[in-house]
N, C-alpha and C. Protein backbone atom coordinates (compact mmCIF):
# COMPACT_ATOMS: atom_id res chain seq x y z
N MET A 1 -84.53 134.95 -77.48
CA MET A 1 -84.97 134.40 -78.74
C MET A 1 -86.50 134.36 -78.83
N ASP A 2 -87.23 135.06 -77.96
CA ASP A 2 -88.67 134.97 -78.02
C ASP A 2 -89.29 135.93 -79.03
N LYS A 3 -88.53 136.86 -79.57
CA LYS A 3 -89.06 137.78 -80.58
C LYS A 3 -88.22 137.66 -81.83
N MET A 4 -88.90 137.75 -82.95
CA MET A 4 -88.21 137.65 -84.23
C MET A 4 -88.23 138.99 -84.94
N PHE A 5 -87.40 139.07 -85.97
CA PHE A 5 -87.49 140.16 -86.92
C PHE A 5 -87.41 139.50 -88.29
N CYS A 6 -88.53 139.42 -88.98
CA CYS A 6 -88.57 138.76 -90.28
C CYS A 6 -89.43 139.59 -91.21
N PHE A 7 -88.85 139.98 -92.34
CA PHE A 7 -89.64 140.74 -93.32
C PHE A 7 -89.37 140.24 -94.73
N GLN A 8 -89.15 138.93 -94.86
CA GLN A 8 -88.75 138.42 -96.16
C GLN A 8 -89.89 137.96 -97.07
N CYS A 9 -91.13 138.07 -96.65
CA CYS A 9 -92.20 137.60 -97.53
C CYS A 9 -93.35 138.60 -97.61
N GLU A 10 -94.27 138.28 -98.51
CA GLU A 10 -95.43 139.15 -98.72
C GLU A 10 -96.45 139.07 -97.59
N GLN A 11 -96.25 138.13 -96.67
CA GLN A 11 -97.20 137.95 -95.58
C GLN A 11 -96.84 138.77 -94.34
N THR A 12 -95.76 139.51 -94.36
CA THR A 12 -95.29 140.19 -93.17
C THR A 12 -96.37 141.03 -92.51
N SER A 13 -96.30 141.09 -91.23
CA SER A 13 -97.29 141.80 -90.43
C SER A 13 -97.24 143.30 -90.71
N GLY A 14 -98.36 143.86 -91.10
CA GLY A 14 -98.43 145.29 -91.37
C GLY A 14 -97.57 145.74 -92.53
N CYS A 15 -97.19 144.82 -93.40
CA CYS A 15 -96.30 145.11 -94.54
C CYS A 15 -94.96 145.67 -94.09
N LYS A 16 -94.56 145.38 -92.85
CA LYS A 16 -93.29 145.86 -92.32
C LYS A 16 -92.40 144.70 -91.93
N ALA A 17 -92.79 143.94 -90.93
CA ALA A 17 -92.01 142.79 -90.47
C ALA A 17 -92.80 142.05 -89.41
N CYS A 18 -92.53 140.77 -89.30
CA CYS A 18 -93.09 139.99 -88.20
C CYS A 18 -92.11 140.10 -87.04
N THR A 19 -92.59 140.54 -85.90
CA THR A 19 -91.69 140.79 -84.77
C THR A 19 -92.14 140.10 -83.49
N GLY A 20 -93.14 139.26 -83.56
CA GLY A 20 -93.61 138.57 -82.36
C GLY A 20 -92.90 137.25 -82.17
N SER A 21 -93.56 136.34 -81.50
CA SER A 21 -92.96 135.02 -81.28
C SER A 21 -93.27 134.07 -82.43
N THR A 22 -94.26 134.43 -83.27
CA THR A 22 -94.61 133.64 -84.45
C THR A 22 -94.95 134.58 -85.58
N GLY A 23 -94.45 134.28 -86.77
CA GLY A 23 -94.75 135.10 -87.94
C GLY A 23 -96.13 134.78 -88.49
N VAL A 24 -96.61 135.63 -89.37
CA VAL A 24 -97.90 135.44 -90.01
C VAL A 24 -97.92 134.10 -90.75
N CYS A 25 -96.78 133.68 -91.29
CA CYS A 25 -96.68 132.43 -92.05
C CYS A 25 -96.63 131.20 -91.14
N GLY A 26 -96.49 131.40 -89.84
CA GLY A 26 -96.40 130.28 -88.91
C GLY A 26 -94.98 130.00 -88.42
N LYS A 27 -94.02 130.71 -88.97
CA LYS A 27 -92.63 130.52 -88.55
C LYS A 27 -92.45 130.99 -87.11
N LYS A 28 -91.79 130.18 -86.32
CA LYS A 28 -91.50 130.53 -84.92
C LYS A 28 -90.25 131.39 -84.86
N SER A 29 -90.11 132.14 -83.80
CA SER A 29 -88.97 133.05 -83.65
C SER A 29 -87.64 132.30 -83.65
N ASP A 30 -87.59 131.10 -83.06
CA ASP A 30 -86.32 130.37 -83.06
C ASP A 30 -85.93 129.92 -84.46
N THR A 31 -86.91 129.60 -85.29
CA THR A 31 -86.62 129.23 -86.67
C THR A 31 -86.09 130.43 -87.44
N ALA A 32 -86.69 131.59 -87.24
CA ALA A 32 -86.20 132.81 -87.89
C ALA A 32 -84.76 133.08 -87.47
N TRP A 33 -84.46 132.85 -86.21
CA TRP A 33 -83.10 133.05 -85.70
C TRP A 33 -82.13 132.06 -86.37
N PHE A 34 -82.53 130.79 -86.48
CA PHE A 34 -81.65 129.80 -87.14
C PHE A 34 -81.46 130.13 -88.63
N GLN A 35 -82.50 130.65 -89.27
CA GLN A 35 -82.35 131.06 -90.67
C GLN A 35 -81.38 132.23 -90.79
N ASP A 36 -81.40 133.14 -89.83
CA ASP A 36 -80.42 134.23 -89.82
C ASP A 36 -79.01 133.67 -89.61
N GLU A 37 -78.87 132.71 -88.70
CA GLU A 37 -77.56 132.08 -88.47
C GLU A 37 -77.07 131.39 -89.74
N LEU A 38 -77.98 130.76 -90.46
CA LEU A 38 -77.62 130.12 -91.72
C LEU A 38 -77.14 131.16 -92.72
N THR A 39 -77.83 132.28 -92.80
CA THR A 39 -77.40 133.36 -93.70
C THR A 39 -76.02 133.87 -93.29
N ASN A 40 -75.79 134.04 -91.98
CA ASN A 40 -74.48 134.48 -91.50
C ASN A 40 -73.39 133.50 -91.93
N ALA A 41 -73.66 132.20 -91.79
CA ALA A 41 -72.68 131.18 -92.16
C ALA A 41 -72.44 131.17 -93.66
N LEU A 42 -73.48 131.36 -94.44
CA LEU A 42 -73.34 131.40 -95.90
C LEU A 42 -72.45 132.55 -96.35
N ILE A 43 -72.63 133.70 -95.73
CA ILE A 43 -71.79 134.86 -96.08
C ILE A 43 -70.35 134.58 -95.67
N GLY A 44 -70.15 133.92 -94.52
CA GLY A 44 -68.81 133.52 -94.10
C GLY A 44 -68.17 132.57 -95.10
N LEU A 45 -68.96 131.62 -95.61
CA LEU A 45 -68.44 130.68 -96.62
C LEU A 45 -68.10 131.42 -97.90
N ALA A 46 -68.94 132.35 -98.32
CA ALA A 46 -68.66 133.13 -99.52
C ALA A 46 -67.35 133.90 -99.37
N CYS A 47 -67.09 134.43 -98.18
CA CYS A 47 -65.82 135.13 -97.93
C CYS A 47 -64.65 134.15 -97.99
N ALA A 48 -64.85 132.93 -97.51
CA ALA A 48 -63.78 131.93 -97.52
C ALA A 48 -63.46 131.48 -98.94
N VAL A 49 -64.44 131.53 -99.83
CA VAL A 49 -64.22 131.14 -101.22
C VAL A 49 -63.25 132.11 -101.89
N LYS A 50 -63.38 133.39 -101.57
CA LYS A 50 -62.52 134.40 -102.19
C LYS A 50 -61.06 134.12 -101.85
N GLY A 51 -60.26 133.94 -102.87
CA GLY A 51 -58.84 133.65 -102.69
C GLY A 51 -58.54 132.16 -102.59
N ASN A 52 -59.58 131.35 -102.53
CA ASN A 52 -59.40 129.89 -102.45
C ASN A 52 -60.18 129.19 -103.56
N GLU A 53 -60.35 129.88 -104.68
CA GLU A 53 -61.15 129.36 -105.79
C GLU A 53 -60.66 128.00 -106.28
N ASP A 54 -59.35 127.74 -106.16
CA ASP A 54 -58.81 126.47 -106.63
C ASP A 54 -59.30 125.29 -105.78
N LEU A 55 -59.79 125.55 -104.57
CA LEU A 55 -60.29 124.50 -103.69
C LEU A 55 -61.81 124.31 -103.77
N VAL A 56 -62.48 125.26 -104.42
CA VAL A 56 -63.93 125.21 -104.53
C VAL A 56 -64.31 124.06 -105.46
N ASN A 57 -65.33 123.31 -105.08
CA ASN A 57 -65.78 122.21 -105.93
C ASN A 57 -67.30 122.24 -106.05
N GLU A 58 -67.85 121.24 -106.73
CA GLU A 58 -69.29 121.18 -106.95
C GLU A 58 -70.07 121.15 -105.63
N ASN A 59 -69.52 120.48 -104.63
CA ASN A 59 -70.18 120.42 -103.33
C ASN A 59 -70.31 121.81 -102.71
N THR A 60 -69.29 122.64 -102.88
CA THR A 60 -69.34 124.02 -102.35
C THR A 60 -70.53 124.75 -102.93
N TYR A 61 -70.67 124.69 -104.26
CA TYR A 61 -71.76 125.39 -104.92
C TYR A 61 -73.13 124.83 -104.52
N LYS A 62 -73.23 123.51 -104.46
CA LYS A 62 -74.50 122.89 -104.07
C LYS A 62 -74.89 123.28 -102.65
N LEU A 63 -73.91 123.34 -101.78
CA LEU A 63 -74.17 123.71 -100.39
C LEU A 63 -74.66 125.15 -100.28
N ILE A 64 -74.07 126.04 -101.04
CA ILE A 64 -74.50 127.44 -101.05
C ILE A 64 -75.93 127.55 -101.57
N ILE A 65 -76.22 126.85 -102.65
CA ILE A 65 -77.57 126.89 -103.22
C ILE A 65 -78.58 126.31 -102.25
N LYS A 66 -78.26 125.16 -101.65
CA LYS A 66 -79.18 124.53 -100.69
C LYS A 66 -79.40 125.44 -99.48
N GLY A 67 -78.33 126.04 -98.98
CA GLY A 67 -78.46 126.94 -97.83
C GLY A 67 -79.33 128.14 -98.14
N LEU A 68 -79.09 128.76 -99.28
CA LEU A 68 -79.91 129.92 -99.66
C LEU A 68 -81.37 129.53 -99.84
N PHE A 69 -81.60 128.39 -100.50
CA PHE A 69 -82.97 127.93 -100.72
C PHE A 69 -83.67 127.66 -99.40
N THR A 70 -82.95 127.13 -98.43
CA THR A 70 -83.53 126.81 -97.12
C THR A 70 -84.03 128.05 -96.40
N THR A 71 -83.46 129.21 -96.72
CA THR A 71 -83.88 130.44 -96.04
C THR A 71 -85.04 131.14 -96.74
N VAL A 72 -85.50 130.59 -97.86
CA VAL A 72 -86.64 131.19 -98.56
C VAL A 72 -87.91 130.91 -97.74
N THR A 73 -88.82 131.86 -97.72
CA THR A 73 -90.05 131.75 -96.95
C THR A 73 -90.76 130.44 -97.19
N ASN A 74 -91.18 129.80 -96.09
CA ASN A 74 -91.99 128.58 -96.10
C ASN A 74 -91.30 127.35 -96.69
N VAL A 75 -90.01 127.38 -96.91
CA VAL A 75 -89.32 126.21 -97.45
C VAL A 75 -88.97 125.23 -96.34
N CYS A 76 -88.40 125.74 -95.25
CA CYS A 76 -87.96 124.84 -94.18
C CYS A 76 -88.11 125.52 -92.82
N PHE A 77 -88.99 124.97 -92.01
CA PHE A 77 -89.14 125.44 -90.64
C PHE A 77 -88.61 124.39 -89.66
N ASP A 78 -87.82 123.45 -90.15
CA ASP A 78 -87.25 122.37 -89.35
C ASP A 78 -85.90 122.83 -88.79
N ASN A 79 -85.89 123.20 -87.51
CA ASN A 79 -84.68 123.74 -86.89
C ASN A 79 -83.50 122.79 -86.97
N SER A 80 -83.73 121.50 -86.76
CA SER A 80 -82.60 120.57 -86.79
C SER A 80 -82.04 120.44 -88.21
N ALA A 81 -82.89 120.52 -89.22
CA ALA A 81 -82.39 120.49 -90.61
C ALA A 81 -81.57 121.75 -90.89
N ILE A 82 -82.03 122.88 -90.41
CA ILE A 82 -81.28 124.13 -90.62
C ILE A 82 -79.94 124.06 -89.90
N LYS A 83 -79.93 123.54 -88.66
CA LYS A 83 -78.67 123.40 -87.92
C LYS A 83 -77.71 122.48 -88.65
N ASN A 84 -78.21 121.40 -89.25
CA ASN A 84 -77.35 120.49 -90.00
C ASN A 84 -76.71 121.17 -91.19
N ILE A 85 -77.47 122.02 -91.88
CA ILE A 85 -76.91 122.75 -93.02
C ILE A 85 -75.85 123.73 -92.53
N ILE A 86 -76.10 124.40 -91.42
CA ILE A 86 -75.11 125.32 -90.85
C ILE A 86 -73.81 124.57 -90.56
N GLU A 87 -73.92 123.41 -89.95
CA GLU A 87 -72.72 122.60 -89.65
C GLU A 87 -72.00 122.19 -90.92
N SER A 88 -72.74 121.81 -91.96
CA SER A 88 -72.13 121.45 -93.25
C SER A 88 -71.38 122.63 -93.85
N ILE A 89 -71.96 123.80 -93.71
CA ILE A 89 -71.32 125.02 -94.24
C ILE A 89 -70.04 125.31 -93.46
N LYS A 90 -70.08 125.18 -92.16
CA LYS A 90 -68.89 125.41 -91.34
C LYS A 90 -67.80 124.39 -91.69
N THR A 91 -68.18 123.15 -91.92
CA THR A 91 -67.21 122.12 -92.32
C THR A 91 -66.58 122.47 -93.65
N GLU A 92 -67.39 122.91 -94.59
CA GLU A 92 -66.87 123.30 -95.91
C GLU A 92 -65.95 124.51 -95.79
N LYS A 93 -66.33 125.47 -94.97
CA LYS A 93 -65.48 126.65 -94.78
C LYS A 93 -64.13 126.24 -94.18
N ASN A 94 -64.16 125.33 -93.22
CA ASN A 94 -62.91 124.85 -92.62
C ASN A 94 -62.07 124.06 -93.60
N ARG A 95 -62.72 123.41 -94.58
CA ARG A 95 -61.97 122.71 -95.62
C ARG A 95 -61.25 123.71 -96.51
N LEU A 96 -61.91 124.81 -96.81
CA LEU A 96 -61.32 125.83 -97.68
C LEU A 96 -60.22 126.62 -96.98
N ILE A 97 -60.39 126.88 -95.71
CA ILE A 97 -59.43 127.71 -94.97
C ILE A 97 -59.08 127.05 -93.63
N PRO A 98 -58.46 125.89 -93.67
CA PRO A 98 -58.19 125.18 -92.41
C PRO A 98 -57.28 125.93 -91.46
N GLN A 99 -56.38 126.74 -91.98
CA GLN A 99 -55.45 127.47 -91.12
C GLN A 99 -56.13 128.54 -90.28
N CYS A 100 -57.32 128.96 -90.67
CA CYS A 100 -58.02 130.01 -89.92
C CYS A 100 -58.48 129.54 -88.54
N ARG A 101 -58.71 128.24 -88.38
CA ARG A 101 -59.18 127.73 -87.09
C ARG A 101 -58.12 127.91 -86.00
N SER A 102 -56.86 127.87 -86.40
CA SER A 102 -55.79 127.91 -85.40
C SER A 102 -54.94 129.17 -85.49
N CYS A 103 -55.43 130.16 -86.21
CA CYS A 103 -54.67 131.39 -86.39
C CYS A 103 -54.52 132.15 -85.07
N CYS A 104 -53.31 132.61 -84.82
CA CYS A 104 -53.06 133.40 -83.60
C CYS A 104 -53.39 134.87 -83.78
N SER A 105 -53.54 135.30 -85.04
CA SER A 105 -53.87 136.69 -85.34
C SER A 105 -55.07 136.75 -86.26
N PRO A 106 -56.26 136.46 -85.76
CA PRO A 106 -57.43 136.44 -86.63
C PRO A 106 -57.66 137.78 -87.32
N CYS A 107 -57.93 137.72 -88.63
CA CYS A 107 -58.16 138.95 -89.40
C CYS A 107 -59.64 139.27 -89.53
N GLY A 108 -60.49 138.28 -89.30
CA GLY A 108 -61.93 138.50 -89.40
C GLY A 108 -62.49 138.41 -90.80
N LYS A 109 -61.63 138.25 -91.81
CA LYS A 109 -62.10 138.22 -93.19
C LYS A 109 -63.01 137.05 -93.49
N ASN A 110 -62.86 135.97 -92.77
CA ASN A 110 -63.64 134.77 -93.05
C ASN A 110 -64.66 134.45 -91.95
N ASP A 111 -64.88 135.39 -91.07
CA ASP A 111 -65.87 135.18 -90.00
C ASP A 111 -67.28 135.12 -90.58
N ASP A 112 -68.16 134.47 -89.86
CA ASP A 112 -69.56 134.52 -90.24
C ASP A 112 -70.04 135.96 -90.10
N TYR A 113 -71.00 136.32 -90.90
CA TYR A 113 -71.54 137.67 -90.90
C TYR A 113 -72.49 137.85 -89.72
N ASP A 114 -72.73 139.06 -89.32
CA ASP A 114 -73.74 139.38 -88.32
C ASP A 114 -74.88 140.10 -89.03
N ILE A 115 -75.93 139.36 -89.33
CA ILE A 115 -77.04 139.90 -90.12
C ILE A 115 -77.71 141.10 -89.45
N GLN A 116 -77.52 141.24 -88.15
CA GLN A 116 -78.07 142.41 -87.46
C GLN A 116 -77.52 143.71 -88.05
N LYS A 117 -76.34 143.64 -88.66
CA LYS A 117 -75.76 144.83 -89.31
C LYS A 117 -76.66 145.33 -90.44
N ILE A 118 -77.34 144.41 -91.10
CA ILE A 118 -78.25 144.83 -92.17
C ILE A 118 -79.45 145.55 -91.57
N TRP A 119 -80.05 144.96 -90.56
CA TRP A 119 -81.30 145.50 -90.02
C TRP A 119 -81.09 146.84 -89.30
N THR A 120 -79.87 147.11 -88.86
CA THR A 120 -79.62 148.36 -88.14
C THR A 120 -78.88 149.39 -88.98
N ALA A 121 -78.61 149.07 -90.23
CA ALA A 121 -77.87 149.99 -91.11
C ALA A 121 -78.74 151.15 -91.57
N ASN A 122 -78.10 152.14 -92.13
CA ASN A 122 -78.77 153.25 -92.78
C ASN A 122 -79.84 152.68 -93.72
N LYS A 123 -80.98 153.33 -93.84
CA LYS A 123 -82.10 152.75 -94.59
C LYS A 123 -81.76 152.46 -96.05
N ASP A 124 -80.92 153.27 -96.68
CA ASP A 124 -80.55 153.00 -98.07
C ASP A 124 -79.66 151.76 -98.18
N ILE A 125 -78.71 151.61 -97.25
CA ILE A 125 -77.84 150.43 -97.22
C ILE A 125 -78.68 149.20 -96.89
N ARG A 126 -79.55 149.31 -95.91
CA ARG A 126 -80.43 148.20 -95.52
C ARG A 126 -81.28 147.77 -96.71
N SER A 127 -81.83 148.72 -97.42
CA SER A 127 -82.68 148.42 -98.57
C SER A 127 -81.88 147.71 -99.66
N LEU A 128 -80.71 148.23 -99.97
CA LEU A 128 -79.87 147.64 -101.01
C LEU A 128 -79.43 146.22 -100.64
N LYS A 129 -78.93 146.04 -99.43
CA LYS A 129 -78.47 144.71 -99.01
C LYS A 129 -79.62 143.72 -98.93
N SER A 130 -80.77 144.17 -98.48
CA SER A 130 -81.94 143.29 -98.42
C SER A 130 -82.36 142.87 -99.82
N LEU A 131 -82.39 143.82 -100.74
CA LEU A 131 -82.77 143.53 -102.11
C LEU A 131 -81.82 142.50 -102.73
N ILE A 132 -80.53 142.69 -102.51
CA ILE A 132 -79.55 141.73 -103.03
C ILE A 132 -79.74 140.36 -102.39
N LEU A 133 -79.88 140.32 -101.08
CA LEU A 133 -80.05 139.06 -100.37
C LEU A 133 -81.30 138.31 -100.85
N PHE A 134 -82.42 139.00 -100.95
CA PHE A 134 -83.66 138.34 -101.35
C PHE A 134 -83.58 137.92 -102.82
N GLY A 135 -82.92 138.71 -103.64
CA GLY A 135 -82.73 138.34 -105.05
C GLY A 135 -81.89 137.09 -105.20
N ILE A 136 -80.81 137.01 -104.43
CA ILE A 136 -79.95 135.82 -104.48
C ILE A 136 -80.71 134.60 -103.98
N ARG A 137 -81.50 134.76 -102.94
CA ARG A 137 -82.32 133.65 -102.44
C ARG A 137 -83.30 133.18 -103.51
N GLY A 138 -83.92 134.13 -104.19
CA GLY A 138 -84.87 133.77 -105.26
C GLY A 138 -84.18 133.02 -106.39
N MET A 139 -83.01 133.48 -106.79
CA MET A 139 -82.26 132.77 -107.84
C MET A 139 -81.85 131.38 -107.36
N ALA A 140 -81.51 131.26 -106.10
CA ALA A 140 -81.12 129.96 -105.54
C ALA A 140 -82.30 128.98 -105.59
N ALA A 141 -83.51 129.48 -105.44
CA ALA A 141 -84.67 128.60 -105.52
C ALA A 141 -84.75 127.96 -106.90
N TYR A 142 -84.54 128.74 -107.95
CA TYR A 142 -84.53 128.18 -109.30
C TYR A 142 -83.37 127.22 -109.49
N ALA A 143 -82.20 127.59 -109.01
CA ALA A 143 -81.02 126.73 -109.14
C ALA A 143 -81.20 125.42 -108.37
N TYR A 144 -81.80 125.51 -107.17
CA TYR A 144 -82.02 124.30 -106.38
C TYR A 144 -82.97 123.34 -107.10
N HIS A 145 -84.04 123.87 -107.64
CA HIS A 145 -84.98 123.01 -108.36
C HIS A 145 -84.32 122.42 -109.60
N ALA A 146 -83.49 123.18 -110.29
CA ALA A 146 -82.78 122.64 -111.46
C ALA A 146 -81.86 121.51 -111.05
N LEU A 147 -81.19 121.66 -109.89
CA LEU A 147 -80.31 120.59 -109.41
C LEU A 147 -81.12 119.33 -109.07
N VAL A 148 -82.23 119.52 -108.40
CA VAL A 148 -83.07 118.37 -108.03
C VAL A 148 -83.61 117.67 -109.29
N LEU A 149 -84.01 118.46 -110.28
CA LEU A 149 -84.55 117.90 -111.50
C LEU A 149 -83.45 117.48 -112.49
N ARG A 150 -82.19 117.83 -112.14
CA ARG A 150 -81.01 117.52 -112.99
C ARG A 150 -81.14 118.10 -114.39
N ILE A 151 -81.56 119.37 -114.45
CA ILE A 151 -81.66 120.04 -115.75
C ILE A 151 -80.65 121.16 -115.85
């Protein structure tokens, strides 16, 4: 965990990515790793929502928005806060699909994502998935502020 791969902001090193132990913005490699874990958990929760829409509630949506907002550059470098959000997401996922915890034949449909798949994918796929991910994070920032302001 001593090296990061982070290219989500305009401050990235060499306009490519921050790959050292600390990003140009001051983010440490362990924080970048926890933010990736949070993204993995969020994608897992999104997969759990599919087919369980009748169980989704306002808390589910707020948790997704808060999680996405937390991964936006310079929003949260507090590892324990990020870990708490990850745990909340896992709890919500288990609420939506409780039978998956004890399944004898796991299908993998509701597993957390492995974000490394994005960074190692074909450049066109990597570009498209990154664009979608960063766009969703940006929209979540607006949604999070609207929730906080209750507008």
